[in-house]
């Protein structure tokens, strides 16, 4: 049986610690965004630890 994790009484639900999203998953999401196949428009330009210097996408996640 899987242990659910810590129960947060403020949220009234079980919580899990944050995890690294994984580069393969992020790459797939980017691939979808570049082709306009996400459920919704991207929220902004790429940022954070997982982008490279050559990333230059517009607000919709498409190559500029």
C-alpha atoms as a PDB file:
ATOM      1  CA  UNK A   1       0.000   0.000   0.000  1.00  0.00           C
ATOM      2  CA  UNK A   2       1.357   3.413  -0.969  1.00  0.00           C
ATOM      3  CA  UNK A   3       1.848   5.943   1.820  1.00  0.00           C
ATOM      4  CA  UNK A   4       0.061   9.170   0.908  1.00  0.00           C
ATOM      5  CA  UNK A   5       2.473  11.570   2.555  1.00  0.00           C
ATOM      6  CA  UNK A   6       2.120  14.329   5.107  1.00  0.00           C
ATOM      7  CA  UNK A   7      -1.366  15.594   5.911  1.00  0.00           C
ATOM      8  CA  UNK A   8      -1.614  19.392   5.829  1.00  0.00           C
ATOM      9  CA  UNK A   9      -4.380  20.479   8.185  1.00  0.00           C
ATOM     10  CA  UNK A  10      -4.568  23.998   6.686  1.00  0.00           C
ATOM     11  CA  UNK A  11      -5.176  22.623   3.184  1.00  0.00           C
ATOM     12  CA  UNK A  12      -7.100  19.621   4.512  1.00  0.00           C
ATOM     13  CA  UNK A  13      -5.315  17.288   2.131  1.00  0.00           C
ATOM     14  CA  UNK A  14      -2.242  15.080   1.824  1.00  0.00           C
ATOM     15  CA  UNK A  15       0.799  16.820   0.339  1.00  0.00           C
ATOM     16  CA  UNK A  16       4.015  15.679  -1.318  1.00  0.00           C
ATOM     17  CA  UNK A  17       7.382  17.438  -1.316  1.00  0.00           C
ATOM     18  CA  UNK A  18       8.301  19.356  -4.512  1.00  0.00           C
ATOM     19  CA  UNK A  19      10.004  17.305  -7.248  1.00  0.00           C
ATOM     20  CA  UNK A  20      12.263  18.101 -10.164  1.00  0.00           C
ATOM     21  CA  UNK A  21      10.013  18.154 -13.274  1.00  0.00           C
ATOM     22  CA  UNK A  22      12.544  16.267 -15.416  1.00  0.00           C
ATOM     23  CA  UNK A  23      14.057  17.515 -18.647  1.00  0.00           C
ATOM     24  CA  UNK A  24      12.244  14.958 -20.829  1.00  0.00           C
ATOM     25  CA  UNK A  25       8.837  16.135 -19.605  1.00  0.00           C
ATOM     26  CA  UNK A  26       9.775  19.808 -20.025  1.00  0.00           C
ATOM     27  CA  UNK A  27      11.083  19.071 -23.520  1.00  0.00           C
ATOM     28  CA  UNK A  28       7.798  17.444 -24.474  1.00  0.00           C
ATOM     29  CA  UNK A  29       5.801  20.391 -23.153  1.00  0.00           C
ATOM     30  CA  UNK A  30       8.024  22.764 -25.118  1.00  0.00           C
ATOM     31  CA  UNK A  31       7.543  20.656 -28.249  1.00  0.00           C
ATOM     32  CA  UNK A  32       3.772  20.941 -27.802  1.00  0.00           C
ATOM     33  CA  UNK A  33       3.984  24.702 -27.184  1.00  0.00           C
ATOM     34  CA  UNK A  34       6.114  25.300 -30.288  1.00  0.00           C
ATOM     35  CA  UNK A  35       3.437  23.595 -32.396  1.00  0.00           C
ATOM     36  CA  UNK A  36       0.481  25.314 -30.710  1.00  0.00           C
ATOM     37  CA  UNK A  37      -0.811  22.009 -29.340  1.00  0.00           C
ATOM     38  CA  UNK A  38      -1.194  22.949 -25.673  1.00  0.00           C
ATOM     39  CA  UNK A  39      -4.684  23.222 -24.182  1.00  0.00           C
ATOM     40  CA  UNK A  40      -4.122  26.954 -23.671  1.00  0.00           C
ATOM     41  CA  UNK A  41      -1.685  29.672 -24.664  1.00  0.00           C
ATOM     42  CA  UNK A  42       1.615  29.837 -22.800  1.00  0.00           C
ATOM     43  CA  UNK A  43       1.644  32.276 -19.889  1.00  0.00           C
ATOM     44  CA  UNK A  44       4.881  34.030 -20.798  1.00  0.00           C
ATOM     45  CA  UNK A  45       8.412  33.800 -22.050  1.00  0.00           C
ATOM     46  CA  UNK A  46      10.602  30.878 -20.932  1.00  0.00           C
ATOM     47  CA  UNK A  47      12.582  31.450 -17.776  1.00  0.00           C
ATOM     48  CA  UNK A  48      14.335  29.723 -14.931  1.00  0.00           C
ATOM     49  CA  UNK A  49      17.030  27.094 -14.678  1.00  0.00           C
ATOM     50  CA  UNK A  50      15.838  24.977 -17.602  1.00  0.00           C
ATOM     51  CA  UNK A  51      16.247  27.375 -20.549  1.00  0.00           C
ATOM     52  CA  UNK A  52      19.298  27.841 -22.724  1.00  0.00           C
ATOM     53  CA  UNK A  53      20.862  31.023 -24.112  1.00  0.00           C
ATOM     54  CA  UNK A  54      19.488  30.248 -27.564  1.00  0.00           C
ATOM     55  CA  UNK A  55      15.860  30.254 -26.356  1.00  0.00           C
ATOM     56  CA  UNK A  56      14.001  33.111 -28.009  1.00  0.00           C
ATOM     57  CA  UNK A  57      10.282  32.389 -27.962  1.00  0.00           C
ATOM     58  CA  UNK A  58       7.365  34.784 -28.172  1.00  0.00           C
ATOM     59  CA  UNK A  59       4.568  34.916 -25.567  1.00  0.00           C
ATOM     60  CA  UNK A  60       2.758  31.994 -27.218  1.00  0.00           C
ATOM     61  CA  UNK A  61       5.825  29.770 -26.919  1.00  0.00           C
ATOM     62  CA  UNK A  62       6.666  29.844 -30.636  1.00  0.00           C
ATOM     63  CA  UNK A  63      10.092  30.533 -32.062  1.00  0.00           C
ATOM     64  CA  UNK A  64      10.533  34.224 -32.840  1.00  0.00           C
END
